[in-house]
Amino acid sequence: MITKPITDTLFDEKMAMSLHFTPGNGGDNKSAIHWDLVTSHAPELGGGEIWFDGELIRKDGRFVPEYLQCMNPENLTRELITED
């Protein structure tokens, strides 16, 4: 539920309405560099768009296509289920 940048990459990369892009070392990609790039696409911070193969995927931090809207912030929270 992180909603604004705090200049700590470990938190900022999980910020709602952000884009976290990490070129470099990770998984099968062996590289001497690992670089975390984080940008907020929240409207109050300037917004932004992500296009893929000519399709608008995200606008102002929200997924646009119906098949991706399940990943919008309000759809990612769920109540904890406890057993008595």
PDB file of N, CA and C in Angstrom:
ATOM      1  N   MET A   1       0.819  -1.198   0.000  1.00  0.00           N
ATOM      2  CA  MET A   1       0.000   0.000   0.000  1.00  0.00           C
ATOM      3  C   MET A   1       0.863   1.263   0.000  1.00  0.00           C
ATOM      4  N   ILE A   2       2.023   1.174  -0.598  1.00  0.00           N
ATOM      5  CA  ILE A   2       2.906   2.334  -0.719  1.00  0.00           C
ATOM      6  C   ILE A   2       2.358   3.222  -1.825  1.00  0.00           C
ATOM      7  N   THR A   3       2.144   4.493  -1.522  1.00  0.00           N
ATOM      8  CA  THR A   3       1.479   5.382  -2.485  1.00  0.00           C
ATOM      9  C   THR A   3       2.318   6.555  -2.946  1.00  0.00           C
ATOM     10  N   LYS A   4       3.476   6.784  -2.315  1.00  0.00           N
ATOM     11  CA  LYS A   4       4.338   7.878  -2.759  1.00  0.00           C
ATOM     12  C   LYS A   4       5.794   7.466  -2.591  1.00  0.00           C
ATOM     13  N   PRO A   5       6.679   8.031  -3.425  1.00  0.00           N
ATOM     14  CA  PRO A   5       8.092   7.657  -3.330  1.00  0.00           C
ATOM     15  C   PRO A   5       8.714   8.171  -2.033  1.00  0.00           C
ATOM     16  N   ILE A   6       9.596   7.337  -1.459  1.00  0.00           N
ATOM     17  CA  ILE A   6      10.302   7.746  -0.244  1.00  0.00           C
ATOM     18  C   ILE A   6      11.819   7.706  -0.467  1.00  0.00           C
ATOM     19  N   THR A   7      12.235   7.540  -1.708  1.00  0.00           N
ATOM     20  CA  THR A   7      13.639   7.471  -2.138  1.00  0.00           C
ATOM     21  C   THR A   7      14.389   6.296  -1.514  1.00  0.00           C
ATOM     22  N   ASP A   8      13.687   5.203  -1.287  1.00  0.00           N
ATOM     23  CA  ASP A   8      14.286   3.938  -0.874  1.00  0.00           C
ATOM     24  C   ASP A   8      13.786   2.898  -1.872  1.00  0.00           C
ATOM     25  N   THR A   9      14.674   2.448  -2.753  1.00  0.00           N
ATOM     26  CA  THR A   9      14.271   1.581  -3.859  1.00  0.00           C
ATOM     27  C   THR A   9      13.507   0.354  -3.396  1.00  0.00           C
ATOM     28  N   LEU A  10      13.873  -0.223  -2.258  1.00  0.00           N
ATOM     29  CA  LEU A  10      13.179  -1.424  -1.785  1.00  0.00           C
ATOM     30  C   LEU A  10      11.693  -1.173  -1.551  1.00  0.00           C
ATOM     31  N   PHE A  11      11.325   0.040  -1.204  1.00  0.00           N
ATOM     32  CA  PHE A  11       9.921   0.394  -1.031  1.00  0.00           C
ATOM     33  C   PHE A  11       9.345   0.987  -2.316  1.00  0.00           C
ATOM     34  N   ASP A  12      10.081   1.888  -2.933  1.00  0.00           N
ATOM     35  CA  ASP A  12       9.577   2.579  -4.121  1.00  0.00           C
ATOM     36  C   ASP A  12       9.251   1.617  -5.259  1.00  0.00           C
ATOM     37  N   GLU A  13       9.990   0.514  -5.392  1.00  0.00           N
ATOM     38  CA  GLU A  13       9.731  -0.424  -6.485  1.00  0.00           C
ATOM     39  C   GLU A  13       8.397  -1.148  -6.310  1.00  0.00           C
ATOM     40  N   LYS A  14       7.805  -1.054  -5.125  1.00  0.00           N
ATOM     41  CA  LYS A  14       6.510  -1.680  -4.855  1.00  0.00           C
ATOM     42  C   LYS A  14       5.376  -0.658  -4.773  1.00  0.00           C
ATOM     43  N   MET A  15       5.672   0.583  -5.108  1.00  0.00           N
ATOM     44  CA  MET A  15       4.708   1.675  -5.006  1.00  0.00           C
ATOM     45  C   MET A  15       3.554   1.489  -5.991  1.00  0.00           C
ATOM     46  N   ALA A  16       2.349   1.710  -5.510  1.00  0.00           N
ATOM     47  CA  ALA A  16       1.172   1.639  -6.379  1.00  0.00           C
ATOM     48  C   ALA A  16       1.301   2.654  -7.503  1.00  0.00           C
ATOM     49  N   MET A  17       0.824   2.292  -8.671  1.00  0.00           N
ATOM     50  CA  MET A  17       0.819   3.153  -9.859  1.00  0.00           C
ATOM     51  C   MET A  17       2.219   3.473 -10.370  1.00  0.00           C
ATOM     52  N   SER A  18       3.189   2.605 -10.075  1.00  0.00           N
ATOM     53  CA  SER A  18       4.553   2.844 -10.536  1.00  0.00           C
ATOM     54  C   SER A  18       4.946   1.831 -11.597  1.00  0.00           C
ATOM     55  N   LEU A  19       6.037   2.123 -12.261  1.00  0.00           N
ATOM     56  CA  LEU A  19       6.655   1.198 -13.198  1.00  0.00           C
ATOM     57  C   LEU A  19       8.030   0.883 -12.645  1.00  0.00           C
ATOM     58  N   HIS A  20       8.318  -0.404 -12.442  1.00  0.00           N
ATOM     59  CA  HIS A  20       9.610  -0.856 -11.944  1.00  0.00           C
ATOM     60  C   HIS A  20      10.250  -1.675 -13.054  1.00  0.00           C
ATOM     61  N   PHE A  21      11.317  -1.138 -13.634  1.00  0.00           N
ATOM     62  CA  PHE A  21      12.018  -1.780 -14.746  1.00  0.00           C
ATOM     63  C   PHE A  21      13.441  -2.052 -14.286  1.00  0.00           C
ATOM     64  N   THR A  22      13.909  -3.285 -14.477  1.00  0.00           N
ATOM     65  CA  THR A  22      15.219  -3.660 -13.957  1.00  0.00           C
ATOM     66  C   THR A  22      16.067  -4.347 -15.019  1.00  0.00           C
ATOM     67  N   PRO A  23      16.769  -3.565 -15.850  1.00  0.00           N
ATOM     68  CA  PRO A  23      17.697  -4.211 -16.782  1.00  0.00           C
ATOM     69  C   PRO A  23      18.955  -4.667 -16.045  1.00  0.00           C
ATOM     70  N   GLY A  24      19.571  -5.699 -16.565  1.00  0.00           N
ATOM     71  CA  GLY A  24      20.824  -6.168 -15.983  1.00  0.00           C
ATOM     72  C   GLY A  24      20.700  -7.529 -15.351  1.00  0.00           C
ATOM     73  N   ASN A  25      21.533  -7.773 -14.350  1.00  0.00           N
ATOM     74  CA  ASN A  25      21.660  -9.082 -13.719  1.00  0.00           C
ATOM     75  C   ASN A  25      20.366  -9.510 -13.032  1.00  0.00           C
ATOM     76  N   GLY A  26      19.935 -10.706 -13.334  1.00  0.00           N
ATOM     77  CA  GLY A  26      18.746 -11.264 -12.702  1.00  0.00           C
ATOM     78  C   GLY A  26      18.244 -12.449 -13.508  1.00  0.00           C
ATOM     79  N   GLY A  27      17.796 -13.501 -12.830  1.00  0.00           N
ATOM     80  CA  GLY A  27      17.300 -14.687 -13.530  1.00  0.00           C
ATOM     81  C   GLY A  27      18.374 -15.305 -14.389  1.00  0.00           C
ATOM     82  N   ASP A  28      18.062 -15.546 -15.660  1.00  0.00           N
ATOM     83  CA  ASP A  28      19.030 -16.150 -16.585  1.00  0.00           C
ATOM     84  C   ASP A  28      19.978 -15.127 -17.202  1.00  0.00           C
ATOM     85  N   ASN A  29      19.700 -13.846 -17.020  1.00  0.00           N
ATOM     86  CA  ASN A  29      20.536 -12.789 -17.583  1.00  0.00           C
ATOM     87  C   ASN A  29      21.712 -12.524 -16.644  1.00  0.00           C
ATOM     88  N   LYS A  30      22.897 -12.948 -17.048  1.00  0.00           N
ATOM     89  CA  LYS A  30      24.097 -12.741 -16.240  1.00  0.00           C
ATOM     90  C   LYS A  30      24.789 -11.465 -16.708  1.00  0.00           C
ATOM     91  N   SER A  31      24.830 -10.484 -15.840  1.00  0.00           N
ATOM     92  CA  SER A  31      25.388  -9.187 -16.186  1.00  0.00           C
ATOM     93  C   SER A  31      26.108  -8.627 -14.966  1.00  0.00           C
ATOM     94  N   ALA A  32      27.071  -7.767 -15.197  1.00  0.00           N
ATOM     95  CA  ALA A  32      27.776  -7.115 -14.094  1.00  0.00           C
ATOM     96  C   ALA A  32      26.941  -5.985 -13.512  1.00  0.00           C
ATOM     97  N   ILE A  33      25.847  -5.640 -14.178  1.00  0.00           N
ATOM     98  CA  ILE A  33      25.023  -4.497 -13.772  1.00  0.00           C
ATOM     99  C   ILE A  33      23.631  -4.972 -13.375  1.00  0.00           C
ATOM    100  N   HIS A  34      23.099  -4.413 -12.313  1.00  0.00           N
ATOM    101  CA  HIS A  34      21.686  -4.561 -11.938  1.00  0.00           C
ATOM    102  C   HIS A  34      21.225  -3.149 -11.610  1.00  0.00           C
ATOM    103  N   TRP A  35      20.259  -2.642 -12.359  1.00  0.00           N
ATOM    104  CA  TRP A  35      19.866  -1.251 -12.238  1.00  0.00           C
ATOM    105  C   TRP A  35      18.360  -1.186 -12.065  1.00  0.00           C
ATOM    106  N   ASP A  36      17.890  -0.693 -10.931  1.00  0.00           N
ATOM    107  CA  ASP A  36      16.465  -0.527 -10.672  1.00  0.00           C
ATOM    108  C   ASP A  36      16.018   0.855 -11.126  1.00  0.00           C
ATOM    109  N   LEU A  37      15.067   0.900 -12.031  1.00  0.00           N
ATOM    110  CA  LEU A  37      14.476   2.158 -12.485  1.00  0.00           C
ATOM    111  C   LEU A  37      13.021   2.159 -12.030  1.00  0.00           C
ATOM    112  N   VAL A  38      12.646   3.163 -11.269  1.00  0.00           N
ATOM    113  CA  VAL A  38      11.289   3.254 -10.744  1.00  0.00           C
ATOM    114  C   VAL A  38      10.749   4.634 -11.074  1.00  0.00           C
ATOM    115  N   THR A  39       9.539   4.660 -11.626  1.00  0.00           N
ATOM    116  CA  THR A  39       8.880   5.932 -11.900  1.00  0.00           C
ATOM    117  C   THR A  39       7.408   5.805 -11.543  1.00  0.00           C
ATOM    118  N   SER A  40       6.863   6.847 -10.969  1.00  0.00           N
ATOM    119  CA  SER A  40       5.441   6.836 -10.633  1.00  0.00           C
ATOM    120  C   SER A  40       4.650   7.342 -11.827  1.00  0.00           C
ATOM    121  N   HIS A  41       3.532   6.702 -12.091  1.00  0.00           N
ATOM    122  CA  HIS A  41       2.619   7.144 -13.137  1.00  0.00           C
ATOM    123  C   HIS A  41       1.323   7.674 -12.536  1.00  0.00           C
ATOM    124  N   ALA A  42       1.338   7.973 -11.240  1.00  0.00           N
ATOM    125  CA  ALA A  42       0.161   8.533 -10.576  1.00  0.00           C
ATOM    126  C   ALA A  42      -0.159   9.894 -11.199  1.00  0.00           C
ATOM    127  N   PRO A  43      -1.434  10.187 -11.449  1.00  0.00           N
ATOM    128  CA  PRO A  43      -1.804  11.457 -12.083  1.00  0.00           C
ATOM    129  C   PRO A  43      -1.244  12.673 -11.347  1.00  0.00           C
ATOM    130  N   GLU A  44      -1.268  12.653 -10.012  1.00  0.00           N
ATOM    131  CA  GLU A  44      -0.792  13.820  -9.251  1.00  0.00           C
ATOM    132  C   GLU A  44       0.718  14.005  -9.350  1.00  0.00           C
ATOM    133  N   LEU A  45       1.428  12.999  -9.867  1.00  0.00           N
ATOM    134  CA  LEU A  45       2.876  13.112 -10.069  1.00  0.00           C
ATOM    135  C   LEU A  45       3.231  13.188 -11.553  1.00  0.00           C
ATOM    136  N   GLY A  46       2.254  13.500 -12.396  1.00  0.00           N
ATOM    137  CA  GLY A  46       2.518  13.694 -13.815  1.00  0.00           C
ATOM    138  C   GLY A  46       1.952  12.622 -14.718  1.00  0.00           C
ATOM    139  N   GLY A  47       1.528  11.482 -14.161  1.00  0.00           N
ATOM    140  CA  GLY A  47       0.931  10.422 -14.968  1.00  0.00           C
ATOM    141  C   GLY A  47       1.928   9.771 -15.908  1.00  0.00           C
ATOM    142  N   GLY A  48       1.416   9.033 -16.858  1.00  0.00           N
ATOM    143  CA  GLY A  48       2.256   8.370 -17.839  1.00  0.00           C
ATOM    144  C   GLY A  48       1.480   7.292 -18.558  1.00  0.00           C
ATOM    145  N   GLU A  49       2.049   6.802 -19.639  1.00  0.00           N
ATOM    146  CA  GLU A  49       1.414   5.758 -20.446  1.00  0.00           C
ATOM    147  C   GLU A  49       2.429   4.674 -20.775  1.00  0.00           C
ATOM    148  N   ILE A  50       1.932   3.436 -20.888  1.00  0.00           N
ATOM    149  CA  ILE A  50       2.734   2.312 -21.352  1.00  0.00           C
ATOM    150  C   ILE A  50       1.982   1.692 -22.522  1.00  0.00           C
ATOM    151  N   TRP A  51       2.648   1.627 -23.658  1.00  0.00           N
ATOM    152  CA  TRP A  51       2.076   1.036 -24.871  1.00  0.00           C
ATOM    153  C   TRP A  51       2.865  -0.221 -25.211  1.00  0.00           C
ATOM    154  N   PHE A  52       2.175  -1.248 -25.678  1.00  0.00           N
ATOM    155  CA  PHE A  52       2.824  -2.494 -26.091  1.00  0.00           C
ATOM    156  C   PHE A  52       2.183  -2.957 -27.389  1.00  0.00           C
ATOM    157  N   ASP A  53       2.986  -3.088 -28.426  1.00  0.00           N
ATOM    158  CA  ASP A  53       2.496  -3.491 -29.752  1.00  0.00           C
ATOM    159  C   ASP A  53       1.295  -2.664 -30.195  1.00  0.00           C
ATOM    160  N   GLY A  54       1.360  -1.360 -29.973  1.00  0.00           N
ATOM    161  CA  GLY A  54       0.308  -0.455 -30.427  1.00  0.00           C
ATOM    162  C   GLY A  54      -0.923  -0.415 -29.541  1.00  0.00           C
ATOM    163  N   GLU A  55      -0.924  -1.148 -28.416  1.00  0.00           N
ATOM    164  CA  GLU A  55      -2.069  -1.158 -27.505  1.00  0.00           C
ATOM    165  C   GLU A  55      -1.710  -0.408 -26.224  1.00  0.00           C
ATOM    166  N   LEU A  56      -2.594   0.491 -25.801  1.00  0.00           N
ATOM    167  CA  LEU A  56      -2.405   1.200 -24.543  1.00  0.00           C
ATOM    168  C   LEU A  56      -2.666   0.217 -23.403  1.00  0.00           C
ATOM    169  N   ILE A  57      -1.640  -0.081 -22.628  1.00  0.00           N
ATOM    170  CA  ILE A  57      -1.726  -1.058 -21.546  1.00  0.00           C
ATOM    171  C   ILE A  57      -2.012  -0.378 -20.212  1.00  0.00           C
ATOM    172  N   ARG A  58      -1.291   0.716 -19.929  1.00  0.00           N
ATOM    173  CA  ARG A  58      -1.489   1.458 -18.681  1.00  0.00           C
ATOM    174  C   ARG A  58      -1.550   2.937 -18.964  1.00  0.00           C
ATOM    175  N   LYS A  59      -2.421   3.622 -18.254  1.00  0.00           N
ATOM    176  CA  LYS A  59      -2.512   5.075 -18.334  1.00  0.00           C
ATOM    177  C   LYS A  59      -2.675   5.606 -16.917  1.00  0.00           C
ATOM    178  N   ASP A  60      -1.802   6.538 -16.551  1.00  0.00           N
ATOM    179  CA  ASP A  60      -1.827   7.165 -15.224  1.00  0.00           C
ATOM    180  C   ASP A  60      -1.852   6.132 -14.099  1.00  0.00           C
ATOM    181  N   GLY A  61      -1.042   5.067 -14.249  1.00  0.00           N
ATOM    182  CA  GLY A  61      -0.871   4.078 -13.193  1.00  0.00           C
ATOM    183  C   GLY A  61      -1.939   3.011 -13.118  1.00  0.00           C
ATOM    184  N   ARG A  62      -2.858   2.986 -14.070  1.00  0.00           N
ATOM    185  CA  ARG A  62      -3.952   2.005 -14.050  1.00  0.00           C
ATOM    186  C   ARG A  62      -3.948   1.205 -15.341  1.00  0.00           C
ATOM    187  N   PHE A  63      -4.161  -0.104 -15.206  1.00  0.00           N
ATOM    188  CA  PHE A  63      -4.244  -0.950 -16.386  1.00  0.00           C
ATOM    189  C   PHE A  63      -5.549  -0.662 -17.119  1.00  0.00           C
ATOM    190  N   VAL A  64      -5.470  -0.521 -18.439  1.00  0.00           N
ATOM    191  CA  VAL A  64      -6.617  -0.121 -19.250  1.00  0.00           C
ATOM    192  C   VAL A  64      -7.401  -1.308 -19.801  1.00  0.00           C
ATOM    193  N   PRO A  65      -6.763  -2.304 -20.445  1.00  0.00           N
ATOM    194  CA  PRO A  65      -7.537  -3.410 -21.011  1.00  0.00           C
ATOM    195  C   PRO A  65      -8.280  -4.184 -19.919  1.00  0.00           C
ATOM    196  N   GLU A  66      -9.470  -4.616 -20.230  1.00  0.00           N
ATOM    197  CA  GLU A  66     -10.286  -5.322 -19.241  1.00  0.00           C
ATOM    198  C   GLU A  66      -9.572  -6.542 -18.674  1.00  0.00           C
ATOM    199  N   TYR A  67      -8.838  -7.265 -19.521  1.00  0.00           N
ATOM    200  CA  TYR A  67      -8.168  -8.480 -19.058  1.00  0.00           C
ATOM    201  C   TYR A  67      -6.993  -8.207 -18.119  1.00  0.00           C
ATOM    202  N   LEU A  68      -6.584  -6.950 -17.957  1.00  0.00           N
ATOM    203  CA  LEU A  68      -5.504  -6.597 -17.034  1.00  0.00           C
ATOM    204  C   LEU A  68      -5.986  -5.794 -15.828  1.00  0.00           C
ATOM    205  N   GLN A  69      -7.243  -5.387 -15.828  1.00  0.00           N
ATOM    206  CA  GLN A  69      -7.735  -4.539 -14.748  1.00  0.00           C
ATOM    207  C   GLN A  69      -7.703  -5.223 -13.387  1.00  0.00           C
ATOM    208  N   CYS A  70      -7.611  -6.539 -13.353  1.00  0.00           N
ATOM    209  CA  CYS A  70      -7.488  -7.252 -12.074  1.00  0.00           C
ATOM    210  C   CYS A  70      -6.191  -6.883 -11.355  1.00  0.00           C
ATOM    211  N   MET A  71      -5.235  -6.260 -12.059  1.00  0.00           N
ATOM    212  CA  MET A  71      -3.968  -5.872 -11.446  1.00  0.00           C
ATOM    213  C   MET A  71      -3.952  -4.413 -10.994  1.00  0.00           C
ATOM    214  N   ASN A  72      -5.082  -3.701 -11.113  1.00  0.00           N
ATOM    215  CA  ASN A  72      -5.160  -2.340 -10.594  1.00  0.00           C
ATOM    216  C   ASN A  72      -5.167  -2.383  -9.069  1.00  0.00           C
ATOM    217  N   PRO A  73      -4.634  -1.338  -8.417  1.00  0.00           N
ATOM    218  CA  PRO A  73      -4.419  -1.373  -6.960  1.00  0.00           C
ATOM    219  C   PRO A  73      -5.620  -1.828  -6.135  1.00  0.00           C
ATOM    220  N   GLU A  74      -6.804  -1.368  -6.461  1.00  0.00           N
ATOM    221  CA  GLU A  74      -7.971  -1.734  -5.641  1.00  0.00           C
ATOM    222  C   GLU A  74      -8.318  -3.218  -5.745  1.00  0.00           C
ATOM    223  N   ASN A  75      -7.807  -3.885  -6.764  1.00  0.00           N
ATOM    224  CA  ASN A  75      -8.079  -5.310  -6.942  1.00  0.00           C
ATOM    225  C   ASN A  75      -6.975  -6.199  -6.355  1.00  0.00           C
ATOM    226  N   LEU A  76      -5.935  -5.599  -5.823  1.00  0.00           N
ATOM    227  CA  LEU A  76      -4.829  -6.370  -5.273  1.00  0.00           C
ATOM    228  C   LEU A  76      -4.926  -6.548  -3.767  1.00  0.00           C
ATOM    229  N   THR A  77      -5.797  -5.800  -3.108  1.00  0.00           N
ATOM    230  CA  THR A  77      -5.946  -5.947  -1.664  1.00  0.00           C
ATOM    231  C   THR A  77      -7.001  -6.999  -1.374  1.00  0.00           C
ATOM    232  N   ARG A  78      -6.754  -7.770  -0.362  1.00  0.00           N
ATOM    233  CA  ARG A  78      -7.735  -8.758   0.038  1.00  0.00           C
ATOM    234  C   ARG A  78      -7.678  -8.924   1.545  1.00  0.00           C
ATOM    235  N   GLU A  79      -8.778  -9.314   2.084  1.00  0.00           N
ATOM    236  CA  GLU A  79      -8.843  -9.497   3.530  1.00  0.00           C
ATOM    237  C   GLU A  79      -8.099 -10.775   3.928  1.00  0.00           C
ATOM    238  N   LEU A  80      -7.523 -10.728   5.100  1.00  0.00           N
ATOM    239  CA  LEU A  80      -6.870 -11.924   5.620  1.00  0.00           C
ATOM    240  C   LEU A  80      -7.933 -12.880   6.117  1.00  0.00           C
ATOM    241  N   ILE A  81      -7.772 -14.128   5.804  1.00  0.00           N
ATOM    242  CA  ILE A  81      -8.713 -15.144   6.259  1.00  0.00           C
ATOM    243  C   ILE A  81      -8.101 -15.830   7.459  1.00  0.00           C
ATOM    244  N   THR A  82      -8.811 -15.812   8.554  1.00  0.00           N
ATOM    245  CA  THR A  82      -8.311 -16.475   9.752  1.00  0.00           C
ATOM    246  C   THR A  82      -9.240 -17.617  10.107  1.00  0.00           C
ATOM    247  N   GLU A  83      -8.670 -18.671  10.588  1.00  0.00           N
ATOM    248  CA  GLU A  83      -9.453 -19.810  11.027  1.00  0.00           C
ATOM    249  C   GLU A  83      -9.506 -19.812  12.543  1.00  0.00           C
ATOM    250  N   ASP A  84     -10.681 -19.987  13.084  1.00  0.00           N
ATOM    251  CA  ASP A  84     -10.845 -20.013  14.547  1.00  0.00           C
ATOM    252  C   ASP A  84     -10.585 -21.391  15.090  1.00  0.00           C
TER     253      ASP A  84
END
